[in-house]
N, C-alpha and C. Protein backbone atom coordinates (compact mmCIF):
# COMPACT_ATOMS: atom_id res chain seq x y z
N MET A 1 89.69 84.61 71.24
CA MET A 1 88.66 85.38 71.27
C MET A 1 88.47 85.37 72.90
N CYS A 2 87.77 86.61 73.77
CA CYS A 2 87.56 86.68 74.50
C CYS A 2 86.57 85.82 75.16
N GLU A 3 86.60 85.73 76.39
CA GLU A 3 85.31 84.80 76.91
C GLU A 3 85.38 85.68 77.88
N ALA A 4 84.16 86.50 77.95
CA ALA A 4 83.83 87.56 78.50
C ALA A 4 82.05 87.18 78.47
N LYS A 5 81.82 87.98 79.21
CA LYS A 5 80.58 88.06 80.11
C LYS A 5 79.61 88.84 78.62
N PRO A 6 78.33 88.36 78.40
CA PRO A 6 77.80 88.79 77.15
C PRO A 6 77.40 90.74 77.91
N GLY A 7 78.02 91.72 76.72
CA GLY A 7 77.85 92.89 76.73
C GLY A 7 79.03 93.77 77.87
N SER A 8 79.61 92.85 77.87
CA SER A 8 81.02 93.50 78.28
C SER A 8 81.91 94.17 77.77
N ARG A 9 82.29 93.69 76.72
CA ARG A 9 83.42 94.15 75.74
C ARG A 9 82.58 95.87 75.32
N ALA A 10 83.58 96.10 75.33
CA ALA A 10 83.49 97.47 74.93
C ALA A 10 82.74 97.95 73.62
N SER A 11 82.53 98.52 73.20
CA SER A 11 82.15 98.77 71.66
C SER A 11 82.88 99.53 70.73
N ALA A 12 83.69 99.10 69.52
CA ALA A 12 84.23 99.29 68.37
C ALA A 12 84.01 100.96 68.48
N LEU A 13 83.25 101.24 68.75
CA LEU A 13 82.86 102.98 68.43
C LEU A 13 83.47 103.51 70.00
N ALA A 14 83.57 102.97 70.73
CA ALA A 14 83.88 103.72 71.87
C ALA A 14 85.59 103.79 72.30
N PRO A 15 86.10 105.01 72.66
CA PRO A 15 87.13 105.30 73.30
C PRO A 15 87.89 103.84 73.68
N PRO A 16 89.47 103.98 73.33
CA PRO A 16 90.14 102.92 73.89
C PRO A 16 90.26 103.12 75.63
N ALA A 17 89.93 101.86 76.09
CA ALA A 17 90.06 101.66 77.43
C ALA A 17 91.71 102.36 77.96
N ARG A 18 91.84 103.44 78.99
CA ARG A 18 92.63 103.77 79.32
C ARG A 18 93.60 102.53 80.09
N PRO A 19 94.96 102.92 80.06
CA PRO A 19 96.02 101.61 80.21
C PRO A 19 95.72 101.45 81.82
N ALA A 20 96.44 100.73 83.07
CA ALA A 20 96.60 100.83 84.09
C ALA A 20 97.46 101.30 84.67
N ARG A 21 97.36 102.39 85.67
CA ARG A 21 98.16 103.29 86.02
C ARG A 21 99.17 102.08 87.12
N VAL A 22 99.79 101.68 86.73
CA VAL A 22 100.73 101.26 87.40
C VAL A 22 101.83 101.85 88.70
N ARG A 23 101.48 101.83 89.93
CA ARG A 23 102.62 102.16 91.23
C ARG A 23 103.85 100.82 91.87
N LEU A 24 104.97 101.07 91.17
CA LEU A 24 105.56 100.05 91.41
C LEU A 24 106.09 100.12 93.00
N PRO A 25 106.45 99.38 93.55
CA PRO A 25 106.38 99.22 95.39
C PRO A 25 107.99 99.84 95.66
N ALA A 26 107.85 100.88 97.10
CA ALA A 26 109.93 101.08 96.42
C ALA A 26 110.15 100.06 96.83
N PRO A 27 111.44 99.93 96.90
CA PRO A 27 112.70 98.86 97.41
C PRO A 27 112.26 98.84 98.99
N GLY A 28 111.95 97.67 99.24
CA GLY A 28 111.54 96.60 99.86
C GLY A 28 110.11 96.72 100.48
N GLU A 29 109.45 97.57 99.89
CA GLU A 29 108.53 97.25 100.17
C GLU A 29 107.78 95.73 99.73
N PRO A 30 107.22 95.60 100.31
CA PRO A 30 105.89 93.95 99.57
C PRO A 30 104.97 94.72 98.75
N VAL A 31 104.74 93.90 97.80
CA VAL A 31 103.96 94.07 96.84
C VAL A 31 102.61 93.81 97.83
N GLY A 32 101.36 94.49 96.95
CA GLY A 32 99.91 94.79 98.40
C GLY A 32 99.19 94.52 97.02
N PHE A 33 97.89 94.12 97.07
CA PHE A 33 96.88 93.90 96.40
C PHE A 33 96.28 95.12 96.40
N ALA A 34 95.93 95.80 97.58
CA ALA A 34 95.03 97.09 97.04
C ALA A 34 96.19 98.47 95.98
N ASP A 35 97.43 98.00 96.78
CA ASP A 35 98.24 99.58 96.57
C ASP A 35 98.73 99.07 94.97
N HIS A 36 99.19 97.83 94.69
CA HIS A 36 99.94 97.34 93.64
C HIS A 36 98.82 96.63 91.85
N VAL A 37 98.03 95.52 92.82
CA VAL A 37 97.76 94.50 92.17
C VAL A 37 96.78 94.64 91.15
N LYS A 38 95.61 95.87 92.31
CA LYS A 38 94.29 95.91 91.85
C LYS A 38 94.00 96.91 90.83
N PRO A 39 94.70 97.68 90.67
CA PRO A 39 95.37 99.21 89.76
C PRO A 39 95.53 98.22 88.13
N LEU A 40 95.89 97.26 88.81
CA LEU A 40 96.83 96.92 87.25
C LEU A 40 95.46 96.26 86.33
N PHE A 41 94.26 95.83 87.30
CA PHE A 41 93.03 95.37 86.27
C PHE A 41 92.24 96.59 86.75
N ARG A 42 91.60 96.65 85.04
CA ARG A 42 90.87 97.91 84.47
C ARG A 42 89.29 97.56 84.45
N GLU A 43 88.96 98.97 84.63
CA GLU A 43 87.39 98.34 84.52
C GLU A 43 86.47 97.05 83.95
N VAL A 44 87.24 97.72 82.88
CA VAL A 44 86.66 96.60 81.86
C VAL A 44 86.94 95.66 81.46
N ASP A 45 88.30 95.00 81.98
CA ASP A 45 89.00 93.93 82.48
C ASP A 45 87.79 92.94 83.60
N ARG A 46 87.67 94.10 84.78
CA ARG A 46 86.69 93.02 85.60
C ARG A 46 85.43 92.64 85.16
N LYS A 47 84.44 93.75 84.44
CA LYS A 47 83.20 93.34 83.49
C LYS A 47 82.96 92.48 82.93
N SER A 48 84.53 92.47 82.29
CA SER A 48 84.35 90.65 81.32
C SER A 48 84.58 89.68 82.07
N MET A 49 85.58 89.77 83.48
CA MET A 49 85.38 88.23 83.83
C MET A 49 84.33 88.19 85.01
N SER A 50 83.81 89.04 85.12
CA SER A 50 82.55 89.13 86.02
C SER A 50 81.70 87.49 86.28
N PHE A 51 81.79 87.03 85.13
CA PHE A 51 80.75 85.96 84.82
C PHE A 51 81.38 84.86 85.79
N ALA A 52 82.81 84.79 86.15
CA ALA A 52 83.65 84.09 86.94
C ALA A 52 83.94 84.31 88.21
N PHE A 53 84.79 85.24 88.15
CA PHE A 53 85.36 86.21 89.62
C PHE A 53 85.23 87.40 89.38
N ASP A 54 85.33 88.19 90.34
CA ASP A 54 85.57 89.99 90.75
C ASP A 54 87.68 90.00 90.66
N LEU A 55 87.68 90.68 89.96
CA LEU A 55 89.17 90.65 89.46
C LEU A 55 89.70 92.15 90.37
N TRP A 56 88.87 92.48 91.48
CA TRP A 56 88.69 93.91 91.85
C TRP A 56 88.70 93.08 93.58
N SER A 57 88.70 91.79 93.50
CA SER A 57 88.44 90.91 95.24
C SER A 57 89.67 90.43 95.46
N ARG A 58 90.52 90.40 96.05
CA ARG A 58 91.66 90.37 96.55
C ARG A 58 91.44 88.87 96.86
N GLU A 59 90.58 87.96 97.60
CA GLU A 59 90.28 86.92 97.55
C GLU A 59 90.11 86.12 96.39
N ASP A 60 89.38 86.97 95.28
CA ASP A 60 88.89 86.25 93.99
C ASP A 60 90.65 86.15 93.19
N VAL A 61 90.97 86.62 93.56
CA VAL A 61 92.22 86.84 92.43
C VAL A 61 93.15 85.96 93.66
N ALA A 62 93.51 86.19 94.41
CA ALA A 62 94.19 85.14 95.28
C ALA A 62 94.13 84.12 95.01
N GLN A 63 92.67 83.48 94.81
CA GLN A 63 92.47 82.03 94.65
C GLN A 63 92.68 81.77 93.06
N HIS A 64 92.38 82.50 91.95
CA HIS A 64 92.71 82.03 90.55
C HIS A 64 93.77 82.31 90.47
N ALA A 65 94.58 82.83 91.11
CA ALA A 65 95.90 83.95 90.98
C ALA A 65 97.29 82.71 89.88
N ASP A 66 97.14 81.68 90.41
CA ASP A 66 98.49 80.73 89.17
C ASP A 66 97.50 80.68 87.38
N ALA A 67 96.45 80.76 87.46
CA ALA A 67 95.49 80.74 86.06
C ALA A 67 95.69 81.87 85.53
N ILE A 68 95.53 83.04 86.28
CA ILE A 68 95.67 84.41 86.01
C ILE A 68 97.20 84.55 85.41
N LEU A 69 98.19 84.19 86.60
CA LEU A 69 99.66 84.03 85.93
C LEU A 69 99.95 83.06 84.65
N HIS A 70 99.70 82.44 84.40
CA HIS A 70 99.52 81.77 83.16
C HIS A 70 99.26 82.09 81.83
N ARG A 71 97.51 82.91 82.01
CA ARG A 71 97.07 84.26 80.82
C ARG A 71 97.89 84.93 80.54
N LEU A 72 98.32 85.80 81.83
CA LEU A 72 99.22 87.05 81.64
C LEU A 72 100.48 86.72 80.75
N ARG A 73 101.00 85.55 81.02
CA ARG A 73 102.44 85.04 80.62
C ARG A 73 102.34 84.27 78.95
N GLN A 74 101.14 83.98 79.02
CA GLN A 74 100.34 83.65 77.86
C GLN A 74 100.33 85.08 76.37
N GLY A 75 100.41 86.04 77.67
CA GLY A 75 99.53 87.10 76.43
C GLY A 75 98.39 86.88 76.17
N THR A 76 97.49 85.92 76.22
CA THR A 76 95.74 86.11 76.34
C THR A 76 95.19 86.79 77.24
N MET A 77 95.41 87.07 78.22
CA MET A 77 94.57 88.24 78.95
C MET A 77 95.08 89.26 79.48
N PRO A 78 94.69 90.27 79.67
CA PRO A 78 93.14 90.62 78.52
C PRO A 78 93.61 90.73 77.44
N CYS A 79 92.08 90.38 77.40
CA CYS A 79 92.24 89.88 75.79
C CYS A 79 92.38 90.84 74.64
N ASP A 80 92.77 92.01 75.18
CA ASP A 80 92.92 93.25 74.19
C ASP A 80 94.04 93.61 73.91
N GLY A 81 94.62 92.93 74.32
CA GLY A 81 96.46 93.40 74.61
C GLY A 81 96.68 92.94 75.83
N ALA A 82 98.21 92.15 75.38
CA ALA A 82 98.82 92.11 76.58
C ALA A 82 99.71 92.93 77.48
N TRP A 83 99.60 92.29 78.84
CA TRP A 83 100.55 93.71 79.56
C TRP A 83 101.46 93.49 79.38
N SER A 84 102.31 94.40 80.04
CA SER A 84 103.58 94.66 80.06
C SER A 84 104.81 93.56 80.77
N ALA A 85 105.93 93.14 80.69
CA ALA A 85 106.66 92.25 81.40
C ALA A 85 106.71 93.48 82.68
N GLU A 86 107.16 94.14 82.31
CA GLU A 86 106.65 94.80 83.88
C GLU A 86 105.68 94.77 84.89
N GLN A 87 104.41 95.00 84.39
CA GLN A 87 103.25 94.50 85.17
C GLN A 87 103.14 92.89 85.28
N VAL A 88 103.50 92.13 84.49
CA VAL A 88 103.31 91.01 84.67
C VAL A 88 104.48 90.31 85.55
N ASP A 89 105.46 90.83 85.98
CA ASP A 89 106.32 90.56 86.97
C ASP A 89 106.14 90.92 88.18
N LEU A 90 105.48 92.25 88.38
CA LEU A 90 104.41 92.87 89.30
C LEU A 90 103.67 91.50 90.34
N PHE A 91 103.23 91.39 89.50
CA PHE A 91 101.85 90.23 89.23
C PHE A 91 102.29 88.94 90.19
N ALA A 92 103.39 88.28 89.33
CA ALA A 92 104.07 86.94 89.54
C ALA A 92 104.80 87.57 91.10
N ARG A 93 105.02 88.40 91.33
CA ARG A 93 106.04 89.00 92.37
C ARG A 93 104.29 88.98 93.72
N TRP A 94 103.99 89.28 93.77
CA TRP A 94 102.73 89.30 94.84
C TRP A 94 101.91 87.96 95.24
N ILE A 95 101.92 87.24 93.91
CA ILE A 95 102.17 85.47 94.46
C ILE A 95 103.14 85.41 95.30
N THR A 96 104.22 85.31 94.53
CA THR A 96 105.34 84.70 95.46
C THR A 96 105.44 84.87 96.96
N GLU A 97 105.34 86.57 96.93
CA GLU A 97 105.22 86.86 98.12
C GLU A 97 103.92 86.41 99.37
N GLY A 98 103.08 85.85 98.65
CA GLY A 98 101.86 85.26 99.43
C GLY A 98 100.59 86.03 99.19
N THR A 99 100.51 86.56 98.50
CA THR A 99 99.14 87.50 98.00
C THR A 99 98.88 87.99 99.19
N ALA A 100 99.25 88.85 99.39
CA ALA A 100 99.19 89.93 100.36
C ALA A 100 98.05 91.32 100.01
N PRO A 101 97.53 91.54 101.03
CA PRO A 101 95.79 92.42 101.28
C PRO A 101 96.70 93.85 100.74
């Protein structure tokens, strides 16, 4: 079950949310929040977590990065379907590289 803010879940009649568009960093390019991490979080993800923090804020995501990564690895975030291994690895790499802007 999603622990989301009331009214943040999409209606069952709404069209499915589009998948996040992932841009992988080029070889040797560091993972950045604005270019690589923020686009992983859809607007529906942001709305569902707005009661706790902002998924489009680098500072908020960096502060909660370990908990987010734990949920991503468990497949419980986002609540409507797990990220691909490639997306989880990209997020983990961002953490390892120091949560760059």
